[in-house]
Amino acid sequence: MDAAKRRGQTTKGVWLSRCTKPSMLVMDVEGFDGRERGEDDTLYEKRAALFSLTISDLMMVNMWLRDIGRQHGGCIPLFKTIFRERAKLEPSKTRVLVIVRDYDYETPMETLQNNLVTQMEEIWESVNKQPGKENKLFSDYIEVTVFALPDRLLVQDFKEKVTNLRNWFSKGGLAELQQDKVAASGFAFSAKGIWETIKQNKQLDLPAHRILVSTSICERIVRENLDALALHEDYMSMKSGAQYSPKEFSTKLEGLLECVLARYDAETDMYDANVRAAKRHGLENGTLHLLEPFCKDMFNRLRTTTACESKDKIAAQLRNADDPATAVDASVQACLKEFTESCKELSSRYQVLCDENCKELRNELTSFAQIKAESIKEQRMREELERQRIEAEREAKPVREEAERLRQEAEHAKVAAACEAERINQIRELALRRVEENAQRGEPPRGLGIDPTLDAALSVSPLWHILRPFLTSEAPTTEGLINPPKNT
């Protein structure tokens, strides 16, 4: 780099350096006409040109004013190589910035730029014109900008122009230059893949390479975002077992997804849209998968709470129903509707979990309702039997009372008959003793006279028929007293 010692090659290979202001990468490529490389090493020349065209947004070519129009000094071989390799790539604008050194202000800049553009168009046609095929237009692939710098010996003027060039870069000269390349985070991976493909002399399929790079980088960003999810405040609150309602859980979930996906979109903005969309969907599903255990716990709590509250409602509805068995489905469905309504905020994210919990709740409530309906039916049957028993008891009470009265009367009659029989026995014994006494004294039986009216009145009494003979002359014999007539 010291002109006082020697003039020679200053760059070997390809070097990259980061410019902090403006933020960009500057690539320095080994010159193609250097003595050290040799005049026959066209392979490296083609590789470097294709590599530079592929990864760069802007190519800068140094050209001395005195060499414009010359074969080698005018960079015609270089432009041929660049244009030949550029035509192999997909159509898109490559901006070429030509820095004309030692500009003397004699040739107007407009004329100078027109001459250079015309020369480049001729070179383009010479290397890309193919018989029988549609020509590729120079304007579809290349956009040329010319900037002139005076001789370095004109120090003040040279520094001023260099400052203008620097300002051109920092104040919008690079605007709209960025093509569909890659983000800085994936540049190393992409550049390495492109260089390996070029070295192996393979057809450089940039769309396929872009998809490969996009896939690799987007997958890495997805993994990093999922790993960072554990530090998010909402994630930690869900993980700690906070008691959220479905609506609150949904709000937390949507906020978390919005944060994660916004970060992903910002980091993958430069990559293939289809790949980004596919991996974005994967990131969303991955986030939902990580949150699924917390959602499952929330659903379990909600299902348990709903089941307890619903059982009281179902029991009340069944008790008020005329036929509890036919009211089972309606009562269960009403409670399930409430559960479904409370879960609708999460149904789009966790449809399977919603369906599973709804099914479990339906089975639990249906089983409860069926058992409860059967219990109510049995209770009503018992109550009906008890009512019938009470009614029968009420109707049977007068009958029992009448039977008791008749029993008591029969008992009284029995006691009276027993007493009557006892008196008859006593009278008979008395009459028997009298007969025996009369017989011992040798006196004939005798009796007393009885008034006919009294006799007719007392004839209804069995006792009278026994006593009457003793009061009349028809006194019974001893045999008659011992064995009275059957009808007596």
Protein backbone atom coordinates (compact mmCIF):
# COMPACT_ATOMS: atom_id res chain seq x y z
CA MET A 1 0.00 0.00 0.00
CA ASP A 2 3.06 2.25 0.14
CA ALA A 3 3.54 3.82 -3.29
CA ALA A 4 7.03 4.95 -2.29
CA LYS A 5 8.21 1.34 -2.00
CA ARG A 6 6.41 -0.49 -4.82
CA ARG A 7 3.29 -0.74 -6.89
CA GLY A 8 1.60 -4.11 -7.00
CA GLN A 9 -1.31 -6.20 -5.87
CA THR A 10 -3.09 -4.88 -2.77
CA THR A 11 -6.05 -7.28 -2.62
CA LYS A 12 -5.89 -11.06 -2.92
CA GLY A 13 -9.16 -12.92 -3.13
CA VAL A 14 -12.35 -11.39 -1.72
CA TRP A 15 -12.47 -9.34 1.44
CA LEU A 16 -15.46 -8.03 3.38
CA SER A 17 -15.60 -5.16 5.84
CA ARG A 18 -18.47 -3.58 7.68
CA CYS A 19 -19.15 0.10 7.28
CA THR A 20 -20.87 1.49 10.35
CA LYS A 21 -22.22 4.68 8.76
CA PRO A 22 -24.08 3.98 6.61
CA SER A 23 -24.61 0.43 7.75
CA MET A 24 -23.50 -1.88 4.94
CA LEU A 25 -20.94 -4.48 3.95
CA VAL A 26 -18.18 -3.43 1.57
CA MET A 27 -16.58 -6.18 -0.51
CA ASP A 28 -13.13 -5.72 -2.08
CA VAL A 29 -12.44 -8.13 -4.96
CA GLU A 30 -9.01 -8.92 -6.32
CA GLY A 31 -8.33 -7.14 -9.60
CA PHE A 32 -8.69 -9.21 -12.77
CA ASP A 33 -5.71 -7.72 -14.57
CA GLY A 34 -3.15 -8.11 -11.83
CA ARG A 35 0.29 -9.47 -12.70
CA GLU A 36 0.23 -11.89 -9.75
CA ARG A 37 -2.87 -13.76 -10.96
CA GLY A 38 -1.64 -14.21 -14.50
CA GLU A 39 -3.37 -13.63 -17.79
CA ASP A 40 -4.71 -17.18 -18.21
CA ASP A 41 -6.52 -17.51 -14.88
CA THR A 42 -10.00 -16.81 -16.25
CA LEU A 43 -11.64 -19.39 -13.98
CA TYR A 44 -11.16 -17.28 -10.88
CA GLU A 45 -12.20 -14.20 -12.82
CA LYS A 46 -15.55 -15.82 -13.72
CA ARG A 47 -16.12 -17.17 -10.21
CA ALA A 48 -15.40 -13.84 -8.55
CA ALA A 49 -17.59 -11.97 -11.02
CA LEU A 50 -20.53 -14.35 -10.57
CA PHE A 51 -20.12 -14.35 -6.79
CA SER A 52 -19.99 -10.55 -6.67
CA LEU A 53 -23.02 -10.16 -8.88
CA THR A 54 -24.99 -12.65 -6.86
CA ILE A 55 -24.54 -11.23 -3.39
CA SER A 56 -24.09 -7.50 -4.12
CA ASP A 57 -26.62 -4.73 -4.41
CA LEU A 58 -24.13 -2.38 -6.03
CA MET A 59 -20.92 -3.01 -8.02
CA MET A 60 -18.25 -0.32 -8.09
CA VAL A 61 -15.74 -0.32 -10.98
CA ASN A 62 -12.67 1.94 -10.98
CA MET A 63 -11.74 3.31 -14.39
CA TRP A 64 -9.15 5.89 -15.32
CA LEU A 65 -10.37 8.70 -17.54
CA ARG A 66 -7.47 8.20 -19.96
CA ASP A 67 -8.39 4.49 -20.41
CA ILE A 68 -11.97 5.01 -21.52
CA GLY A 69 -12.28 3.53 -25.00
CA ARG A 70 -9.28 1.21 -24.59
CA GLN A 71 -9.58 -2.57 -24.68
CA HIS A 72 -7.98 -3.55 -21.39
CA GLY A 73 -7.61 -0.23 -19.66
CA GLY A 74 -11.26 0.45 -20.40
CA CYS A 75 -12.24 -2.73 -18.53
CA ILE A 76 -13.84 -4.26 -21.63
CA PRO A 77 -12.71 -7.84 -20.74
CA LEU A 78 -13.97 -7.24 -17.19
CA PHE A 79 -17.35 -6.05 -18.40
CA LYS A 80 -17.61 -8.96 -20.81
CA THR A 81 -17.07 -11.38 -17.94
CA ILE A 82 -19.49 -9.53 -15.67
CA PHE A 83 -22.22 -9.28 -18.31
CA ARG A 84 -21.80 -12.88 -19.42
CA GLU A 85 -22.21 -14.14 -15.87
CA ARG A 86 -24.98 -11.66 -15.15
CA ALA A 87 -27.07 -12.99 -18.02
CA LYS A 88 -27.01 -16.43 -16.38
CA LEU A 89 -28.92 -15.10 -13.38
CA GLU A 90 -32.58 -14.25 -13.08
CA PRO A 91 -33.76 -10.91 -14.51
CA SER A 92 -33.38 -8.10 -11.98
CA LYS A 93 -31.56 -4.80 -11.93
CA THR A 94 -27.87 -4.83 -11.00
CA ARG A 95 -26.61 -1.33 -10.36
CA VAL A 96 -23.07 -0.61 -11.57
CA LEU A 97 -21.33 2.47 -10.18
CA VAL A 98 -18.42 3.50 -12.40
CA ILE A 99 -15.86 5.71 -10.63
CA VAL A 100 -13.93 7.70 -13.22
CA ARG A 101 -10.54 8.61 -11.76
CA ASP A 102 -8.49 11.70 -12.61
CA TYR A 103 -11.44 13.50 -14.13
CA ASP A 104 -10.26 16.72 -15.83
CA TYR A 105 -13.62 18.48 -16.27
CA GLU A 106 -13.08 18.82 -20.05
CA THR A 107 -15.64 16.17 -21.04
CA PRO A 108 -19.12 16.95 -19.69
CA MET A 109 -20.35 14.35 -17.24
CA GLU A 110 -23.51 13.74 -19.28
CA THR A 111 -21.46 12.98 -22.39
CA LEU A 112 -19.11 10.82 -20.40
CA GLN A 113 -21.96 8.79 -18.93
CA ASN A 114 -23.65 8.35 -22.31
CA ASN A 115 -20.40 7.10 -23.84
CA LEU A 116 -19.89 4.58 -21.06
CA VAL A 117 -23.50 3.33 -21.22
CA THR A 118 -23.31 2.95 -25.01
CA GLN A 119 -20.04 1.04 -24.72
CA MET A 120 -21.56 -1.28 -22.08
CA GLU A 121 -24.67 -1.92 -24.19
CA GLU A 122 -22.44 -2.93 -27.10
CA ILE A 123 -20.49 -5.27 -24.86
CA TRP A 124 -23.76 -6.75 -23.54
CA GLU A 125 -25.07 -7.44 -27.03
CA SER A 126 -21.79 -8.99 -28.11
CA VAL A 127 -21.74 -11.53 -25.31
CA ASN A 128 -25.48 -12.31 -25.10
CA LYS A 129 -26.70 -12.23 -28.67
CA GLN A 130 -27.73 -15.78 -29.62
CA PRO A 131 -29.16 -16.63 -33.07
CA GLY A 132 -32.74 -17.91 -32.95
CA LYS A 133 -33.29 -16.74 -29.38
CA GLU A 134 -34.85 -13.59 -27.97
CA ASN A 135 -32.20 -11.08 -27.00
CA LYS A 136 -31.91 -10.10 -23.35
CA LEU A 137 -32.16 -6.35 -22.97
CA PHE A 138 -29.33 -4.54 -21.22
CA SER A 139 -31.79 -2.24 -19.47
CA ASP A 140 -33.55 -5.22 -17.88
CA TYR A 141 -30.38 -6.33 -16.13
CA ILE A 142 -27.98 -3.40 -15.69
CA GLU A 143 -28.37 0.16 -14.43
CA VAL A 144 -25.30 2.38 -14.74
CA THR A 145 -24.34 5.35 -12.60
CA VAL A 146 -21.17 7.37 -13.25
CA PHE A 147 -19.31 9.37 -10.61
CA ALA A 148 -16.12 11.28 -11.29
CA LEU A 149 -13.20 11.98 -8.93
CA PRO A 150 -10.46 14.48 -9.79
CA ASP A 151 -6.75 13.81 -9.50
CA ARG A 152 -5.55 13.21 -5.94
CA LEU A 153 -3.05 16.00 -6.37
CA LEU A 154 -5.97 18.40 -6.35
CA VAL A 155 -6.33 17.69 -2.67
CA GLN A 156 -9.11 20.07 -1.78
CA ASP A 157 -11.20 19.22 -4.82
CA PHE A 158 -10.54 15.50 -4.41
CA LYS A 159 -11.62 15.48 -0.74
CA GLU A 160 -14.75 17.43 -1.62
CA LYS A 161 -15.78 14.91 -4.28
CA VAL A 162 -15.00 12.00 -1.98
CA THR A 163 -17.21 13.62 0.66
CA ASN A 164 -19.98 14.00 -1.92
CA LEU A 165 -19.65 10.33 -2.82
CA ARG A 166 -19.80 9.37 0.84
CA ASN A 167 -22.88 11.52 1.33
CA TRP A 168 -24.44 9.92 -1.74
CA PHE A 169 -24.15 6.56 -0.03
CA SER A 170 -25.33 7.73 3.38
CA LYS A 171 -28.19 9.98 2.22
CA GLY A 172 -30.12 7.80 -0.15
CA GLY A 173 -27.79 6.60 -2.84
CA LEU A 174 -28.41 3.04 -1.69
CA ALA A 175 -32.16 3.53 -1.40
CA GLU A 176 -34.13 1.02 -3.42
CA LEU A 177 -30.92 -0.83 -4.18
CA GLN A 178 -31.65 -3.76 -1.96
CA GLN A 179 -32.94 -6.63 -4.02
CA ASP A 180 -34.55 -9.76 -2.69
CA LYS A 181 -31.33 -10.87 -0.99
CA VAL A 182 -30.94 -12.04 2.60
CA ALA A 183 -30.81 -10.36 5.98
CA ALA A 184 -27.49 -9.72 7.67
CA SER A 185 -28.12 -12.61 10.07
CA GLY A 186 -28.23 -15.07 7.17
CA PHE A 187 -25.62 -13.48 4.94
CA ALA A 188 -22.71 -15.72 5.94
CA PHE A 189 -24.73 -18.89 5.44
CA SER A 190 -26.04 -17.70 2.07
CA ALA A 191 -22.68 -16.46 0.77
CA LYS A 192 -20.96 -19.70 1.73
CA GLY A 193 -23.58 -21.76 -0.08
CA ILE A 194 -23.32 -19.60 -3.22
CA TRP A 195 -19.53 -19.81 -3.28
CA GLU A 196 -19.55 -23.59 -2.85
CA THR A 197 -22.03 -23.91 -5.70
CA ILE A 198 -19.91 -21.71 -7.95
CA LYS A 199 -16.72 -23.63 -7.08
CA GLN A 200 -18.37 -26.94 -7.98
CA ASN A 201 -19.29 -25.49 -11.41
CA LYS A 202 -22.96 -26.21 -10.74
CA GLN A 203 -25.78 -24.26 -12.27
CA LEU A 204 -26.46 -21.42 -9.86
CA ASP A 205 -30.19 -21.65 -9.20
CA LEU A 206 -30.72 -18.53 -7.13
CA PRO A 207 -34.43 -19.05 -6.47
CA ALA A 208 -33.72 -22.53 -5.12
CA HIS A 209 -30.76 -21.21 -3.15
CA ARG A 210 -32.86 -18.39 -1.78
CA ILE A 211 -35.46 -20.91 -0.62
CA LEU A 212 -32.74 -23.05 0.95
CA VAL A 213 -31.28 -20.08 2.80
CA SER A 214 -34.71 -18.81 3.80
CA THR A 215 -35.67 -22.22 5.13
CA SER A 216 -32.51 -22.60 7.20
CA ILE A 217 -32.57 -19.07 8.63
CA CYS A 218 -36.31 -19.05 9.31
CA GLU A 219 -36.08 -22.39 11.10
CA ARG A 220 -33.28 -21.03 13.28
CA ILE A 221 -35.30 -17.91 14.08
CA VAL A 222 -38.32 -20.07 14.95
CA ARG A 223 -36.21 -22.11 17.39
CA GLU A 224 -34.78 -18.97 18.97
CA ASN A 225 -38.22 -17.45 19.42
CA LEU A 226 -39.61 -20.62 20.98
CA ASP A 227 -36.63 -20.79 23.35
CA ALA A 228 -37.12 -17.13 24.32
CA LEU A 229 -40.82 -17.73 24.95
CA ALA A 230 -40.10 -19.13 28.41
CA LEU A 231 -38.92 -15.68 29.56
CA HIS A 232 -42.05 -13.85 28.47
CA GLU A 233 -44.12 -12.43 31.32
CA ASP A 234 -47.44 -13.82 30.09
CA TYR A 235 -45.92 -17.26 29.53
CA MET A 236 -44.49 -17.35 33.05
CA SER A 237 -47.81 -16.26 34.56
CA MET A 238 -49.60 -19.06 32.66
CA LYS A 239 -46.95 -21.57 33.66
CA SER A 240 -47.20 -20.60 37.36
CA GLY A 241 -50.82 -21.82 37.38
CA ALA A 242 -52.58 -18.48 37.49
CA GLN A 243 -56.37 -18.86 37.54
CA TYR A 244 -57.57 -17.42 34.24
CA SER A 245 -61.00 -17.49 32.68
CA PRO A 246 -61.14 -18.56 29.02
CA LYS A 247 -61.50 -14.92 27.94
CA GLU A 248 -58.52 -13.83 30.06
CA PHE A 249 -56.48 -16.80 28.84
CA SER A 250 -57.36 -15.94 25.24
CA THR A 251 -56.29 -12.32 25.74
CA LYS A 252 -52.95 -13.43 27.20
CA LEU A 253 -52.49 -15.94 24.41
CA GLU A 254 -53.22 -13.47 21.61
CA GLY A 255 -50.88 -10.90 23.15
CA LEU A 256 -48.13 -13.48 23.42
CA LEU A 257 -48.64 -14.66 19.83
CA GLU A 258 -48.66 -11.10 18.56
CA CYS A 259 -45.36 -10.37 20.29
CA VAL A 260 -43.68 -13.57 19.07
CA LEU A 261 -44.91 -13.28 15.49
CA ALA A 262 -44.05 -9.58 15.25
CA ARG A 263 -40.48 -10.36 16.29
CA TYR A 264 -40.35 -13.19 13.77
CA ASP A 265 -41.70 -10.97 10.97
CA ALA A 266 -39.09 -8.33 11.69
CA GLU A 267 -36.24 -10.84 11.68
CA THR A 268 -37.34 -12.66 8.51
CA ASP A 269 -38.44 -9.69 6.42
CA MET A 270 -35.71 -10.27 3.81
CA TYR A 271 -36.42 -13.94 3.11
CA ASP A 272 -38.67 -15.82 0.72
CA ALA A 273 -42.34 -14.96 1.36
CA ASN A 274 -43.63 -18.52 0.98
CA VAL A 275 -40.99 -19.94 3.29
CA ARG A 276 -41.60 -17.16 5.80
CA ALA A 277 -45.32 -17.86 5.78
CA ALA A 278 -44.83 -21.61 6.23
CA LYS A 279 -42.35 -21.21 9.09
CA ARG A 280 -44.49 -18.49 10.64
CA HIS A 281 -47.33 -20.96 10.76
CA GLY A 282 -44.92 -23.44 12.36
CA LEU A 283 -43.91 -20.86 14.97
CA GLU A 284 -47.55 -20.17 15.74
CA ASN A 285 -48.29 -23.88 16.11
CA GLY A 286 -45.16 -24.35 18.22
CA THR A 287 -46.21 -21.56 20.56
CA LEU A 288 -49.71 -23.02 20.87
CA HIS A 289 -48.18 -26.43 21.57
CA LEU A 290 -46.05 -25.02 24.40
CA LEU A 291 -49.11 -23.35 25.90
CA GLU A 292 -51.36 -26.37 25.45
CA PRO A 293 -50.68 -27.88 28.94
CA PHE A 294 -51.68 -24.57 30.56
CA CYS A 295 -54.81 -24.39 28.41
CA LYS A 296 -55.63 -28.00 29.34
CA ASP A 297 -55.39 -27.15 33.06
CA MET A 298 -57.64 -24.15 32.53
CA PHE A 299 -60.19 -26.30 30.67
CA ASN A 300 -60.11 -28.91 33.45
CA ARG A 301 -60.83 -26.26 36.08
CA LEU A 302 -63.59 -24.77 33.97
CA ARG A 303 -65.15 -28.16 33.30
CA THR A 304 -65.10 -29.08 37.00
CA THR A 305 -66.65 -25.75 38.02
CA THR A 306 -69.26 -25.93 35.28
CA ALA A 307 -70.15 -29.51 36.22
CA CYS A 308 -70.76 -28.56 39.87
CA GLU A 309 -72.91 -25.57 38.96
CA SER A 310 -74.75 -27.43 36.20
CA LYS A 311 -75.68 -30.36 38.41
CA ASP A 312 -77.69 -28.08 40.70
CA LYS A 313 -79.45 -26.54 37.69
CA ILE A 314 -80.16 -29.94 36.13
CA ALA A 315 -81.53 -31.29 39.40
CA ALA A 316 -83.86 -28.29 39.73
CA GLN A 317 -85.08 -28.66 36.14
CA LEU A 318 -85.70 -32.37 36.53
CA ARG A 319 -87.63 -31.84 39.77
CA ASN A 320 -89.91 -29.37 37.99
CA ALA A 321 -90.42 -31.59 34.94
CA ASP A 322 -93.54 -33.73 34.59
CA ASP A 323 -91.44 -36.59 33.21
CA PRO A 324 -87.77 -36.32 34.34
CA ALA A 325 -86.63 -39.01 31.88
CA THR A 326 -87.70 -36.95 28.86
CA ALA A 327 -86.15 -33.74 30.24
CA VAL A 328 -82.62 -35.15 30.56
CA ASP A 329 -81.36 -34.14 27.11
CA ALA A 330 -82.79 -30.62 27.25
CA SER A 331 -81.34 -29.89 30.68
CA VAL A 332 -77.89 -31.20 29.71
CA GLN A 333 -77.89 -29.32 26.41
CA ALA A 334 -78.64 -26.02 28.13
CA CYS A 335 -75.61 -26.43 30.41
CA LEU A 336 -73.37 -27.51 27.51
CA LYS A 337 -74.37 -24.40 25.60
CA GLU A 338 -73.13 -22.24 28.47
CA PHE A 339 -69.82 -24.13 28.52
CA THR A 340 -69.41 -23.82 24.74
CA GLU A 341 -70.15 -20.10 24.87
CA SER A 342 -67.49 -19.58 27.54
CA CYS A 343 -64.92 -21.50 25.44
CA LYS A 344 -65.62 -19.83 22.09
CA GLU A 345 -62.69 -17.43 22.60
CA LEU A 346 -60.30 -20.40 22.43
CA SER A 347 -62.16 -22.70 20.05
CA SER A 348 -60.25 -21.43 17.01
CA ARG A 349 -56.89 -22.11 18.67
CA TYR A 350 -57.62 -25.26 20.65
CA GLN A 351 -60.60 -26.83 18.88
CA VAL A 352 -59.57 -30.38 19.84
CA LEU A 353 -59.26 -29.50 23.54
CA CYS A 354 -62.62 -27.73 23.44
CA ASP A 355 -64.29 -30.73 21.83
CA GLU A 356 -62.70 -33.20 24.26
CA ASN A 357 -63.74 -31.24 27.34
CA CYS A 358 -67.22 -30.66 25.94
CA LYS A 359 -67.57 -34.40 25.33
CA GLU A 360 -66.36 -35.26 28.84
CA LEU A 361 -68.72 -32.70 30.36
CA ARG A 362 -71.63 -34.01 28.29
CA ASN A 363 -70.95 -37.59 29.41
CA GLU A 364 -70.63 -36.55 33.06
CA LEU A 365 -73.78 -34.42 33.06
CA THR A 366 -75.80 -36.97 31.07
CA SER A 367 -74.85 -39.73 33.50
CA PHE A 368 -75.73 -37.49 36.45
CA ALA A 369 -79.02 -36.40 34.87
CA GLN A 370 -80.07 -39.98 34.11
CA ILE A 371 -79.30 -41.13 37.65
CA LYS A 372 -81.03 -38.06 39.07
CA ALA A 373 -84.09 -38.57 36.85
CA GLU A 374 -84.34 -42.19 37.97
CA SER A 375 -83.94 -41.12 41.59
CA ILE A 376 -86.68 -38.49 41.22
CA LYS A 377 -88.93 -41.05 39.56
CA GLU A 378 -88.39 -43.55 42.38
CA GLN A 379 -88.94 -40.83 44.98
CA ARG A 380 -92.20 -39.85 43.30
CA MET A 381 -93.28 -43.49 43.25
CA ARG A 382 -92.52 -43.80 46.97
CA GLU A 383 -94.41 -40.59 47.66
CA GLU A 384 -97.37 -41.87 45.62
CA LEU A 385 -97.35 -45.18 47.48
CA GLU A 386 -97.17 -43.34 50.78
CA ARG A 387 -100.07 -41.12 49.72
CA GLN A 388 -102.10 -44.17 48.73
CA ARG A 389 -101.22 -45.84 52.02
CA ILE A 390 -102.30 -42.77 53.96
CA GLU A 391 -105.52 -42.58 51.93
CA ALA A 392 -106.19 -46.27 52.48
CA GLU A 393 -105.42 -45.81 56.15
CA ARG A 394 -107.83 -42.91 56.32
CA GLU A 395 -110.56 -44.92 54.58
CA ALA A 396 -109.93 -48.02 56.73
CA LYS A 397 -110.05 -46.15 60.02
CA PRO A 398 -113.90 -46.08 60.31
CA VAL A 399 -114.02 -49.77 59.41
CA ARG A 400 -111.49 -50.58 62.12
CA GLU A 401 -113.37 -48.44 64.59
CA GLU A 402 -116.64 -50.24 63.70
CA ALA A 403 -114.94 -53.61 63.99
CA GLU A 404 -113.51 -52.60 67.34
CA ARG A 405 -116.94 -51.50 68.49
CA LEU A 406 -118.45 -54.81 67.39
CA ARG A 407 -115.61 -56.68 69.05
CA GLN A 408 -116.16 -54.80 72.27
CA GLU A 409 -119.88 -55.44 72.07
CA ALA A 410 -119.19 -59.13 71.45
CA GLU A 411 -116.83 -59.12 74.37
CA HIS A 412 -119.45 -57.48 76.53
CA ALA A 413 -122.04 -59.98 75.34
CA LYS A 414 -119.67 -62.79 76.07
CA VAL A 415 -119.03 -61.48 79.56
CA ALA A 416 -122.77 -61.01 80.09
CA ALA A 417 -123.47 -64.54 78.84
CA ALA A 418 -120.80 -65.88 81.14
CA CYS A 419 -122.34 -64.02 84.05
CA GLU A 420 -125.80 -65.30 83.07
CA ALA A 421 -124.51 -68.80 82.83
CA GLU A 422 -122.92 -68.42 86.24
CA ARG A 423 -126.19 -67.26 87.76
CA ILE A 424 -128.04 -70.11 86.07
CA ASN A 425 -125.58 -72.57 87.53
CA GLN A 426 -126.02 -71.06 90.95
CA ILE A 427 -129.84 -71.20 90.66
CA ARG A 428 -129.72 -74.75 89.39
CA GLU A 429 -127.52 -75.81 92.29
CA LEU A 430 -129.91 -74.08 94.65
CA ALA A 431 -132.93 -75.76 93.08
CA LEU A 432 -131.14 -79.08 93.15
CA ARG A 433 -130.45 -78.78 96.87
CA ARG A 434 -134.08 -77.95 97.50
CA VAL A 435 -135.27 -80.92 95.55
CA GLU A 436 -132.89 -83.14 97.45
CA GLU A 437 -134.00 -81.69 100.76
CA ASN A 438 -137.68 -82.16 99.88
CA ALA A 439 -136.98 -85.64 98.81
CA GLN A 440 -135.27 -86.43 102.10
CA ARG A 441 -138.22 -85.09 103.98
CA GLY A 442 -140.61 -87.05 101.82
CA GLU A 443 -142.36 -83.97 100.60
CA PRO A 444 -143.70 -83.88 97.08
CA PRO A 445 -142.55 -81.14 94.68
CA ARG A 446 -144.56 -78.04 94.88
CA GLY A 447 -144.61 -74.61 93.58
CA LEU A 448 -146.23 -71.20 93.84
CA GLY A 449 -148.89 -69.71 91.69
CA ILE A 450 -147.68 -67.26 89.04
CA ASP A 451 -149.55 -64.37 87.54
CA PRO A 452 -150.15 -65.06 83.83
CA THR A 453 -149.15 -61.55 82.77
CA LEU A 454 -145.83 -61.80 84.68
CA ASP A 455 -145.27 -65.26 83.28
CA ALA A 456 -145.71 -63.97 79.73
CA ALA A 457 -143.32 -61.07 80.38
CA LEU A 458 -140.59 -63.25 81.91
CA SER A 459 -140.84 -66.01 79.34
CA VAL A 460 -138.16 -64.36 77.18
CA SER A 461 -135.49 -65.07 79.79
CA PRO A 462 -133.84 -68.51 79.83
CA LEU A 463 -133.47 -68.12 83.58
CA TRP A 464 -137.21 -67.85 83.98
CA HIS A 465 -137.77 -71.21 82.35
CA ILE A 466 -135.52 -72.75 84.98
CA LEU A 467 -137.07 -70.94 87.92
CA ARG A 468 -140.64 -71.19 86.77
CA PRO A 469 -141.07 -74.90 87.63
CA PHE A 470 -139.98 -74.21 91.19
CA LEU A 471 -142.60 -71.53 91.51
CA THR A 472 -145.35 -73.68 90.09
CA SER A 473 -146.52 -77.14 90.70
CA GLU A 474 -144.35 -78.30 87.78
CA ALA A 475 -141.25 -78.75 89.88
CA PRO A 476 -138.44 -80.49 87.92
CA THR A 477 -136.95 -83.72 88.94
CA THR A 478 -133.40 -84.17 89.90
CA GLU A 479 -132.65 -85.57 86.45
CA GLY A 480 -134.15 -82.50 84.85
CA LEU A 481 -132.07 -80.09 86.88
CA ILE A 482 -128.88 -81.96 86.23
CA ASN A 483 -129.50 -82.23 82.49
CA PRO A 484 -131.73 -79.33 81.44
CA PRO A 485 -133.37 -79.36 77.99
CA LYS A 486 -131.23 -78.33 75.00
CA ASN A 487 -133.49 -75.39 74.17
CA THR A 488 -133.36 -73.99 77.69
